Amino acid sequence: MGRPEVRRVRQRKRPADNPMGEARTSPEDYNLLGREKETMRDPYALYKLLLAGAPVFKEPEHGIYLVSRYEDIVEMKRQPRRFSNRMPTGPMRMPNVEDLPPELIDKVQQLMADSSTPNATQNYQQIATLLAADPPNHTRYRGMTNKLFNTRTAKGWEPRIREIADELMAGVIEQGNVDWVTAFAHPLPLRTVGEILGVPTDDEELLDKLFGGKTAGDAIGNPDVMLERLVDQVNTGTSTRNEYYLFFNDRIRELRKRPIPGDFLSDLIQLPDDEGNTLSDDEILSVVSHFQVAGHETSTKMITQAMYQLATNFDLFAEIKKNRNLVENLVEESLRYEAPVQGLFQIAEEDVEVGGEPIPKGSMLMTIYGAANRDPSRFEHPDTFNVHRHNVRAHLSFGGGIHSCPGKPFARAEGVQGFHSLFDRATSVTLNEDEDGLARSLSYILRGISELNITVMAA
């Protein structure tokens, strides 16, 4: 397949940071893909302008079309043969190494070259299976994965998820003052996905080594973080990516010799497709690679956003504690209000129209879920956090169509079980820092609070 058409368009100069706080009245006053500071601080101001006047907007710096309207994104997701998913996280932006010490530049540049070369560090062929695959290949892989990873299996995991939540919550209650992300929101989904994949979850060092910690996905769409991690890899001689593949390559080899019925990875190895064929090691490694970030970090951001809402609104906490039927709505509204995955990219496979705008074949489009979730034509008073919405589950935070997130039943279970555990044990939660100073991910793909200091009062 050819490279997507991502043309540089000559437009007026992109905005620098805006220290004087001058009013921004046009989408061109923002720079989402360039991660301009004010845009990253509050992308919803840009989304509001897009929705009001430019729902399909050709972003000036790269010629990428930003699609913000709910109905347009849903329609695109219904047409996977017209809109390819082969580059879901957008154009690769390699970091600038010029400011590094001379002794690091060559080593980092070599790592950058290795990262884009299959088999550079190990005997592993990169295969698009789920997120970056299109039909008919995607149909095969997703169909097989769905047989093992679905609402029914998530339901079966709920008791274990609750046990993990209760164990972590006991520690939160004992400490009282905690960083919610480190104490609960991250370890709950991390330990869950670790157990699903057969990682020894009592080995916290191994979990962090394999999954990259609570900000594992921050390098996606952020070349500054990518550079930091490349430098760290040079200094330590290790990388999360390599450790992950090496661990699961060994585990796959062992499970082929000695299958464990009921183990997700073992069952995936044994599972035949519609023609009776099983997956190769490389195909299994590709499927499993989706869990490295998507299996825990997006849930972490959702659980953290929900806690932020509770910690800044005592009446909301009291209402849900009294009416536990609202716990599921808390989870769903948190997903809508601040989508952990703000958007993904697709490529037009033919000349098409989106929202009445002509899109040439080969063009790249970004479907902005964070904007669609604030679309006033779909959600009444979209900028208000409201657990009583009649359409609270209509958000696009899990994507849509054939590429909707396969792990969404588990993410929902982690959120629901986690907050039931909280409401069982706590009488109140309060925020211990300035709301304006909260640390957040600085990526146009992933968005969420990365540290949340709170006080939890025991029941």
Protein backbone atom coordinates (compact mmCIF):
# COMPACT_ATOMS: atom_id res chain seq x y z
CA MET A 1 0.00 0.00 0.00
CA GLY A 2 1.18 3.51 -0.73
CA ARG A 3 1.96 6.11 1.86
CA PRO A 4 -0.95 8.40 2.80
CA GLU A 5 -1.07 11.81 1.28
CA VAL A 6 -0.07 14.20 4.07
CA ARG A 7 0.79 17.42 2.31
CA ARG A 8 2.35 20.47 3.85
CA VAL A 9 0.02 23.37 3.17
CA ARG A 10 1.24 26.95 3.02
CA GLN A 11 -0.93 28.86 5.44
CA ARG A 12 -0.41 31.67 7.85
CA LYS A 13 2.08 31.14 10.68
CA ARG A 14 1.05 28.72 13.40
CA PRO A 15 0.39 30.21 16.86
CA ALA A 16 3.17 30.35 19.42
CA ASP A 17 2.36 30.04 23.10
CA ASN A 18 -0.11 32.72 24.12
CA PRO A 19 1.28 34.35 27.31
CA MET A 20 -0.96 37.41 27.02
CA GLY A 21 -4.11 35.31 26.98
CA GLU A 22 -5.38 36.86 23.77
CA ALA A 23 -8.77 35.61 22.61
CA ARG A 24 -8.71 32.82 20.05
CA THR A 25 -11.62 32.90 17.68
CA SER A 26 -10.61 30.53 14.87
CA PRO A 27 -9.38 26.91 14.69
CA GLU A 28 -6.28 28.33 12.98
CA ASP A 29 -5.41 30.02 16.29
CA TYR A 30 -4.68 26.57 17.73
CA ASN A 31 -2.13 23.89 16.91
CA LEU A 32 -3.33 20.48 18.05
CA LEU A 33 -0.86 18.26 16.21
CA GLY A 34 2.03 20.53 17.09
CA ARG A 35 1.06 20.23 20.78
CA GLU A 36 1.08 23.99 21.30
CA LYS A 37 0.90 24.65 25.04
CA GLU A 38 -2.47 26.39 25.26
CA THR A 39 -4.07 23.88 22.90
CA MET A 40 -2.86 20.99 25.05
CA ARG A 41 -4.02 22.71 28.22
CA ASP A 42 -7.57 23.06 26.92
CA PRO A 43 -8.25 21.30 23.60
CA TYR A 44 -11.98 21.63 24.25
CA ALA A 45 -11.85 25.31 23.33
CA LEU A 46 -10.58 24.25 19.90
CA TYR A 47 -13.18 21.47 19.69
CA LYS A 48 -15.96 23.96 20.35
CA LEU A 49 -14.80 26.15 17.46
CA LEU A 50 -14.51 23.14 15.17
CA LEU A 51 -18.00 21.89 16.01
CA ALA A 52 -19.54 25.34 15.60
CA GLY A 53 -18.00 26.35 12.31
CA ALA A 54 -15.55 23.84 10.84
CA PRO A 55 -16.55 20.25 11.67
CA VAL A 56 -14.24 19.00 8.89
CA PHE A 57 -11.19 21.26 9.12
CA LYS A 58 -8.00 20.94 7.08
CA GLU A 59 -5.31 21.42 9.66
CA PRO A 60 -2.82 23.96 8.21
CA GLU A 61 0.52 22.47 9.23
CA HIS A 62 0.20 19.01 7.67
CA GLY A 63 -2.99 19.08 5.64
CA ILE A 64 -4.66 16.54 7.91
CA TYR A 65 -8.45 16.78 8.15
CA LEU A 66 -9.78 17.14 11.70
CA VAL A 67 -13.24 15.55 11.95
CA SER A 68 -15.09 16.62 15.08
CA ARG A 69 -18.83 16.11 14.55
CA TYR A 70 -20.39 13.02 16.13
CA GLU A 71 -22.49 11.93 13.16
CA ASP A 72 -19.57 12.33 10.72
CA ILE A 73 -17.28 10.15 12.82
CA VAL A 74 -19.94 7.48 13.26
CA GLU A 75 -20.51 7.44 9.50
CA MET A 76 -16.79 7.08 8.83
CA LYS A 77 -16.54 4.16 11.25
CA ARG A 78 -19.31 2.40 9.32
CA GLN A 79 -17.18 2.42 6.16
CA PRO A 80 -13.90 0.63 6.90
CA ARG A 81 -13.26 -0.11 3.22
CA ARG A 82 -13.35 3.60 2.37
CA PHE A 83 -11.35 4.72 5.42
CA SER A 84 -8.27 2.66 6.25
CA ASN A 85 -6.95 2.19 9.78
CA ARG A 86 -3.40 1.33 8.72
CA MET A 87 -1.88 4.35 10.51
CA PRO A 88 -4.19 4.75 13.54
CA THR A 89 -1.85 6.93 15.62
CA GLY A 90 -1.08 9.26 12.74
CA PRO A 91 2.16 10.34 11.09
CA MET A 92 5.31 9.31 12.93
CA ARG A 93 7.00 12.35 14.40
CA MET A 94 10.62 11.57 15.16
CA PRO A 95 12.24 13.63 17.92
CA ASN A 96 14.93 16.26 17.34
CA VAL A 97 18.25 14.94 18.65
CA GLU A 98 20.36 18.01 17.85
CA ASP A 99 20.34 19.34 21.41
CA LEU A 100 21.61 16.06 22.91
CA PRO A 101 25.24 15.63 24.03
CA PRO A 102 27.36 14.50 21.06
CA GLU A 103 28.10 11.11 22.62
CA LEU A 104 24.36 10.31 22.68
CA ILE A 105 23.30 11.52 19.23
CA ASP A 106 24.62 8.58 17.19
CA LYS A 107 23.28 6.01 19.66
CA VAL A 108 19.82 7.57 19.78
CA GLN A 109 19.67 7.90 16.00
CA GLN A 110 20.54 4.20 15.71
CA LEU A 111 17.76 3.29 18.12
CA MET A 112 15.33 5.41 16.11
CA ALA A 113 16.35 3.55 12.96
CA ASP A 114 16.07 0.18 14.73
CA SER A 115 12.59 0.99 16.01
CA SER A 116 11.27 1.35 12.47
CA THR A 117 12.96 -1.83 11.17
CA PRO A 118 11.28 -5.23 11.67
CA ASN A 119 13.56 -7.82 13.31
CA ALA A 120 16.04 -5.12 14.31
CA THR A 121 16.29 -6.32 17.90
CA GLN A 122 14.81 -9.80 17.77
CA ASN A 123 13.39 -12.38 15.45
CA TYR A 124 9.92 -10.87 15.31
CA GLN A 125 7.91 -9.85 12.26
CA GLN A 126 5.51 -6.98 12.88
CA ILE A 127 2.03 -7.88 11.64
CA ALA A 128 -1.05 -5.65 11.67
CA THR A 129 -3.79 -7.62 13.40
CA LEU A 130 -6.32 -5.45 15.25
CA LEU A 131 -6.09 -1.66 15.47
CA ALA A 132 -3.91 -1.13 12.39
CA ALA A 133 -5.48 -3.86 10.23
CA ASP A 134 -8.23 -3.51 7.63
CA PRO A 135 -10.66 -6.11 6.28
CA PRO A 136 -10.35 -8.92 5.40
CA ASN A 137 -7.33 -9.49 7.68
CA HIS A 138 -8.88 -7.55 10.52
CA THR A 139 -12.07 -9.60 10.26
CA ARG A 140 -10.13 -12.81 10.94
CA TYR A 141 -8.10 -11.51 13.86
CA ARG A 142 -10.92 -9.62 15.54
CA GLY A 143 -13.28 -12.58 15.16
CA MET A 144 -10.81 -14.87 16.91
CA THR A 145 -10.05 -12.37 19.67
CA ASN A 146 -13.75 -11.73 20.30
CA LYS A 147 -14.31 -15.42 21.08
CA LEU A 148 -12.01 -15.11 24.08
CA PHE A 149 -12.22 -11.43 25.04
CA ASN A 150 -15.82 -10.29 25.33
CA THR A 151 -18.60 -9.17 27.68
CA ARG A 152 -19.14 -12.71 28.98
CA THR A 153 -15.48 -13.25 29.87
CA ALA A 154 -15.28 -9.81 31.47
CA LYS A 155 -18.28 -10.72 33.60
CA GLY A 156 -16.45 -13.85 34.71
CA TRP A 157 -13.47 -11.75 35.76
CA GLU A 158 -15.52 -9.31 37.85
CA PRO A 159 -15.08 -11.18 41.19
CA ARG A 160 -11.29 -11.21 40.73
CA ILE A 161 -11.26 -7.55 39.67
CA ARG A 162 -13.22 -6.73 42.84
CA GLU A 163 -10.71 -8.66 44.96
CA ILE A 164 -7.85 -6.65 43.48
CA ALA A 165 -9.81 -3.42 43.98
CA ASP A 166 -10.57 -4.26 47.61
CA GLU A 167 -6.92 -5.05 48.31
CA LEU A 168 -5.78 -1.76 46.79
CA MET A 169 -8.56 0.20 48.49
CA ALA A 170 -7.49 -1.14 51.87
CA GLY A 171 -4.11 0.47 51.26
CA VAL A 172 -5.72 3.74 50.17
CA ILE A 173 -7.86 3.87 53.32
CA GLU A 174 -4.89 3.05 55.54
CA GLN A 175 -2.79 5.85 54.04
CA GLY A 176 -5.58 8.42 53.80
CA ASN A 177 -3.55 10.87 51.70
CA VAL A 178 -2.53 9.31 48.38
CA ASP A 179 -1.73 9.92 44.78
CA TRP A 180 -4.81 8.17 43.40
CA VAL A 181 -3.07 7.25 40.16
CA THR A 182 -0.18 5.44 41.84
CA ALA A 183 -2.21 3.93 44.67
CA PHE A 184 -5.27 2.69 42.77
CA ALA A 185 -6.13 3.90 39.27
CA HIS A 186 -3.01 2.44 37.68
CA PRO A 187 -2.41 -0.81 39.62
CA LEU A 188 -6.03 -2.00 39.29
CA PRO A 189 -6.08 -2.33 35.48
CA LEU A 190 -2.37 -3.20 35.37
CA ARG A 191 -2.73 -6.16 37.71
CA THR A 192 -5.91 -7.22 35.91
CA VAL A 193 -4.31 -7.29 32.46
CA GLY A 194 -1.21 -8.88 33.94
CA GLU A 195 -3.24 -11.76 35.33
CA ILE A 196 -5.18 -12.17 32.09
CA LEU A 197 -1.90 -12.51 30.18
CA GLY A 198 -0.23 -14.73 32.78
CA VAL A 199 2.32 -12.26 34.15
CA PRO A 200 3.29 -12.85 37.82
CA THR A 201 1.43 -9.89 39.32
CA ASP A 202 3.24 -10.08 42.66
CA ASP A 203 6.37 -8.90 40.82
CA GLU A 204 5.76 -5.13 40.56
CA GLU A 205 9.17 -4.55 38.99
CA LEU A 206 8.37 -7.01 36.20
CA LEU A 207 4.94 -5.44 35.61
CA ASP A 208 6.47 -1.98 35.25
CA LYS A 209 9.24 -3.34 33.04
CA LEU A 210 6.78 -5.04 30.69
CA PHE A 211 4.01 -2.44 30.58
CA GLY A 212 6.00 0.78 30.93
CA GLY A 213 4.42 2.30 34.02
CA LYS A 214 1.46 4.63 34.47
CA THR A 215 2.47 6.93 31.58
CA ALA A 216 3.44 4.20 29.10
CA GLY A 217 1.54 5.78 26.23
CA ASP A 218 2.77 9.35 26.65
CA ALA A 219 5.30 8.93 23.83
CA ILE A 220 2.46 8.35 21.35
CA GLY A 221 2.11 11.68 19.58
CA ASN A 222 4.78 13.28 21.79
CA PRO A 223 8.32 13.30 20.33
CA ASP A 224 9.72 14.97 23.48
CA VAL A 225 8.74 11.99 25.62
CA MET A 226 9.91 9.63 22.87
CA LEU A 227 13.34 11.27 23.00
CA GLU A 228 13.51 10.99 26.81
CA ARG A 229 12.78 7.28 26.57
CA LEU A 230 15.32 6.72 23.81
CA VAL A 231 17.98 8.39 25.95
CA ASP A 232 16.95 6.25 28.91
CA GLN A 233 17.20 3.17 26.71
CA VAL A 234 20.74 4.15 25.69
CA ASN A 235 21.72 4.70 29.34
CA THR A 236 20.17 1.52 30.70
CA GLY A 237 20.57 -0.82 27.74
CA THR A 238 16.95 -1.99 28.06
CA SER A 239 13.59 -1.10 26.56
CA THR A 240 10.03 -1.82 27.59
CA ARG A 241 9.19 -2.92 24.06
CA ASN A 242 11.97 -5.51 23.89
CA GLU A 243 11.29 -6.83 27.39
CA TYR A 244 7.62 -7.22 26.53
CA TYR A 245 8.20 -9.22 23.38
CA LEU A 246 10.91 -11.37 24.90
CA PHE A 247 8.72 -12.27 27.89
CA PHE A 248 5.71 -13.20 25.77
CA ASN A 249 7.79 -14.98 23.15
CA ASP A 250 9.04 -17.27 25.92
CA ARG A 251 5.56 -17.71 27.35
CA ILE A 252 4.07 -18.58 23.96
CA ARG A 253 6.80 -21.18 23.42
CA GLU A 254 6.09 -22.71 26.84
CA LEU A 255 2.31 -22.76 26.31
CA ARG A 256 2.70 -24.50 22.97
CA LYS A 257 4.45 -27.30 24.83
CA ARG A 258 2.16 -27.31 27.86
CA PRO A 259 -1.24 -25.68 27.22
CA ILE A 260 -3.27 -24.36 30.17
CA PRO A 261 -7.02 -24.56 29.42
CA GLY A 262 -8.79 -21.35 30.45
CA ASP A 263 -5.64 -19.24 30.15
CA PHE A 264 -6.29 -16.45 27.63
CA LEU A 265 -2.95 -16.73 25.86
CA SER A 266 -2.99 -20.53 25.83
CA ASP A 267 -6.52 -20.58 24.44
CA LEU A 268 -5.56 -18.01 21.77
CA ILE A 269 -2.69 -20.25 20.69
CA GLN A 270 -5.02 -23.23 20.31
CA LEU A 271 -7.97 -21.38 18.76
CA PRO A 272 -8.67 -22.16 15.07
CA ASP A 273 -10.08 -19.59 12.67
CA ASP A 274 -13.04 -20.27 10.38
CA GLU A 275 -10.79 -22.30 8.07
CA GLY A 276 -9.20 -24.32 10.85
CA ASN A 277 -5.89 -22.40 10.92
CA THR A 278 -4.26 -21.22 14.14
CA LEU A 279 -2.21 -18.08 14.68
CA SER A 280 1.56 -17.93 14.27
CA ASP A 281 3.81 -16.71 17.07
CA ASP A 282 4.22 -13.36 15.31
CA GLU A 283 0.45 -12.96 14.97
CA ILE A 284 -0.07 -13.78 18.65
CA LEU A 285 2.65 -11.34 19.68
CA SER A 286 0.93 -8.64 17.61
CA VAL A 287 -2.45 -9.31 19.26
CA VAL A 288 -0.84 -9.27 22.71
CA SER A 289 1.06 -6.04 21.93
CA HIS A 290 -2.26 -4.17 22.00
CA PHE A 291 -2.47 -4.81 25.74
CA GLN A 292 0.81 -3.04 26.48
CA VAL A 293 -0.79 0.42 26.60
CA ALA A 294 -4.47 -0.06 25.74
CA GLY A 295 -4.80 -2.83 28.32
CA HIS A 296 -4.21 -0.57 31.29
CA GLU A 297 -3.37 3.09 30.67
CA THR A 298 -6.69 4.10 29.12
CA SER A 299 -8.51 2.54 32.10
CA THR A 300 -6.16 4.38 34.44
CA LYS A 301 -7.11 7.70 32.87
CA MET A 302 -10.84 6.91 33.06
CA ILE A 303 -10.66 5.89 36.74
CA THR A 304 -8.62 9.02 37.51
CA GLN A 305 -11.07 11.34 35.74
CA ALA A 306 -13.97 9.81 37.66
CA MET A 307 -12.15 10.32 40.96
CA TYR A 308 -11.37 13.92 40.02
CA GLN A 309 -15.09 14.56 39.58
CA LEU A 310 -15.86 13.00 42.97
CA ALA A 311 -13.02 14.81 44.75
CA THR A 312 -14.21 18.20 43.49
CA ASN A 313 -17.93 17.67 44.06
CA PHE A 314 -18.97 16.36 47.48
CA ASP A 315 -22.66 16.31 46.53
CA LEU A 316 -21.87 14.00 43.60
CA PHE A 317 -19.95 11.65 45.89
CA ALA A 318 -22.79 11.61 48.42
CA GLU A 319 -25.43 11.02 45.74
CA ILE A 320 -23.66 8.04 44.21
CA LYS A 321 -22.77 6.56 47.59
CA LYS A 322 -26.47 6.64 48.41
CA ASN A 323 -27.59 5.36 44.98
CA ARG A 324 -25.15 2.74 43.74
CA ASN A 325 -27.08 2.36 40.51
CA LEU A 326 -25.27 5.51 39.41
CA VAL A 327 -21.80 3.93 39.58
CA GLU A 328 -22.02 2.70 36.00
CA ASN A 329 -23.14 6.17 34.89
CA LEU A 330 -20.16 7.69 36.72
CA VAL A 331 -17.84 5.50 34.68
CA GLU A 332 -19.59 6.23 31.37
CA GLU A 333 -19.86 9.98 31.93
CA SER A 334 -16.16 10.10 32.88
CA LEU A 335 -15.36 8.42 29.59
CA ARG A 336 -17.52 10.90 27.69
CA TYR A 337 -16.37 14.02 29.50
CA GLU A 338 -12.65 13.38 28.96
CA ALA A 339 -11.99 10.56 26.51
CA PRO A 340 -8.71 8.79 27.43
CA VAL A 341 -8.14 8.32 23.69
CA GLN A 342 -8.93 11.74 22.27
CA GLY A 343 -8.83 10.58 18.68
CA LEU A 344 -7.29 8.32 16.05
CA PHE A 345 -6.39 8.60 12.37
CA GLN A 346 -7.72 7.08 9.17
CA ILE A 347 -6.77 7.33 5.50
CA ALA A 348 -9.20 7.89 2.65
CA GLU A 349 -8.95 4.96 0.23
CA GLU A 350 -10.86 6.86 -2.50
CA ASP A 351 -12.21 10.33 -3.17
CA VAL A 352 -14.96 10.75 -0.59
CA GLU A 353 -17.10 13.34 1.16
CA VAL A 354 -17.20 13.78 4.92
CA GLY A 355 -19.77 16.15 6.32
CA GLY A 356 -20.25 17.58 2.84
CA GLU A 357 -16.53 18.34 2.44
CA PRO A 358 -14.63 16.67 -0.44
CA ILE A 359 -11.68 14.56 0.77
CA PRO A 360 -9.14 13.46 -1.88
CA LYS A 361 -7.95 9.86 -2.02
CA GLY A 362 -4.86 9.32 0.14
CA SER A 363 -5.70 12.09 2.61
CA MET A 364 -5.30 11.51 6.32
CA LEU A 365 -8.15 12.34 8.70
CA MET A 366 -8.19 12.52 12.48
CA THR A 367 -11.47 11.43 14.06
CA ILE A 368 -11.55 13.41 17.31
CA TYR A 369 -13.57 11.42 19.86
CA GLY A 370 -12.98 14.07 22.50
CA ALA A 371 -14.79 16.61 20.30
CA ALA A 372 -17.61 14.25 19.27
CA ASN A 373 -18.28 13.57 22.95
CA ARG A 374 -18.90 17.31 23.40
CA ASP A 375 -21.09 17.67 20.30
CA PRO A 376 -24.21 19.63 21.41
CA SER A 377 -26.27 18.00 18.66
CA ARG A 378 -25.75 14.66 20.43
CA PHE A 379 -25.28 15.57 24.10
CA GLU A 380 -27.32 18.23 25.87
CA HIS A 381 -25.13 20.72 27.78
CA PRO A 382 -22.03 18.77 26.71
CA ASP A 383 -19.57 20.70 28.87
CA THR A 384 -21.44 19.74 32.05
CA PHE A 385 -20.56 16.53 33.89
CA ASN A 386 -23.93 14.81 34.40
CA VAL A 387 -24.37 11.22 35.61
CA HIS A 388 -28.10 11.38 34.82
CA ARG A 389 -27.74 11.62 31.04
CA HIS A 390 -30.27 9.48 29.21
CA ASN A 391 -27.65 8.63 26.56
CA VAL A 392 -24.67 8.32 28.87
CA ARG A 393 -23.30 5.27 27.01
CA ALA A 394 -23.48 6.91 23.57
CA HIS A 395 -19.97 8.37 23.79
CA LEU A 396 -17.26 7.43 21.28
CA SER A 397 -14.45 6.96 23.78
CA PHE A 398 -14.05 3.32 22.75
CA GLY A 399 -14.10 4.26 19.06
CA GLY A 400 -16.69 2.75 16.80
CA GLY A 401 -17.40 0.28 14.03
CA ILE A 402 -15.23 -2.78 13.52
CA HIS A 403 -12.28 -1.16 15.30
CA SER A 404 -14.09 -0.35 18.54
CA CYS A 405 -11.97 -1.22 21.56
CA PRO A 406 -12.13 -5.00 22.23
CA GLY A 407 -11.23 -4.43 25.88
CA LYS A 408 -14.13 -2.12 26.69
CA PRO A 409 -16.03 -4.72 28.80
CA PHE A 410 -12.96 -5.08 31.00
CA ALA A 411 -12.41 -1.31 31.26
CA ARG A 412 -16.01 -0.88 32.35
CA ALA A 413 -15.72 -3.73 34.86
CA GLU A 414 -12.55 -2.22 36.35
CA GLY A 415 -14.23 1.16 36.76
CA VAL A 416 -17.48 -0.19 38.20
CA GLN A 417 -15.88 -2.66 40.60
CA GLY A 418 -13.25 -0.14 41.63
CA PHE A 419 -15.77 2.53 42.59
CA HIS A 420 -18.07 0.09 44.37
CA SER A 421 -15.02 -0.74 46.49
CA LEU A 422 -14.47 2.98 47.15
CA PHE A 423 -18.08 3.67 48.16
CA ASP A 424 -18.07 0.64 50.47
CA ARG A 425 -15.17 2.05 52.48
CA ALA A 426 -15.09 5.84 52.19
CA THR A 427 -17.31 8.65 53.44
CA SER A 428 -15.69 11.42 51.41
CA VAL A 429 -12.81 12.30 49.10
CA THR A 430 -11.20 15.70 48.69
CA LEU A 431 -8.63 17.14 46.30
CA ASN A 432 -5.34 18.19 47.87
CA GLU A 433 -4.00 20.42 45.09
CA ASP A 434 -4.87 23.33 42.84
CA GLU A 435 -7.16 22.15 40.03
CA ASP A 436 -5.30 24.35 37.54
CA GLY A 437 -1.97 22.71 38.40
CA LEU A 438 -2.89 19.11 37.69
CA ALA A 439 -0.30 17.17 35.70
CA ARG A 440 -1.70 15.84 32.42
CA SER A 441 -0.55 13.83 29.44
CA LEU A 442 0.60 16.18 26.67
CA SER A 443 -0.43 14.19 23.61
CA TYR A 444 -3.12 14.74 21.00
CA ILE A 445 -3.96 11.02 21.24
CA LEU A 446 -4.01 10.21 24.95
CA ARG A 447 -5.34 12.67 27.52
CA GLY A 448 -5.70 12.31 31.25
CA ILE A 449 -4.52 13.35 34.69
CA SER A 450 -1.19 11.71 35.51
CA GLU A 451 -1.11 12.56 39.23
CA LEU A 452 -4.05 13.23 41.56
CA ASN A 453 -3.36 13.89 45.25
CA ILE A 454 -6.46 13.28 47.36
CA THR A 455 -7.59 12.56 50.90
CA VAL A 456 -9.91 9.61 51.42
CA MET A 457 -11.91 9.52 54.66
CA ALA A 458 -12.77 6.05 55.94
CA ALA A 459 -16.33 4.96 56.64
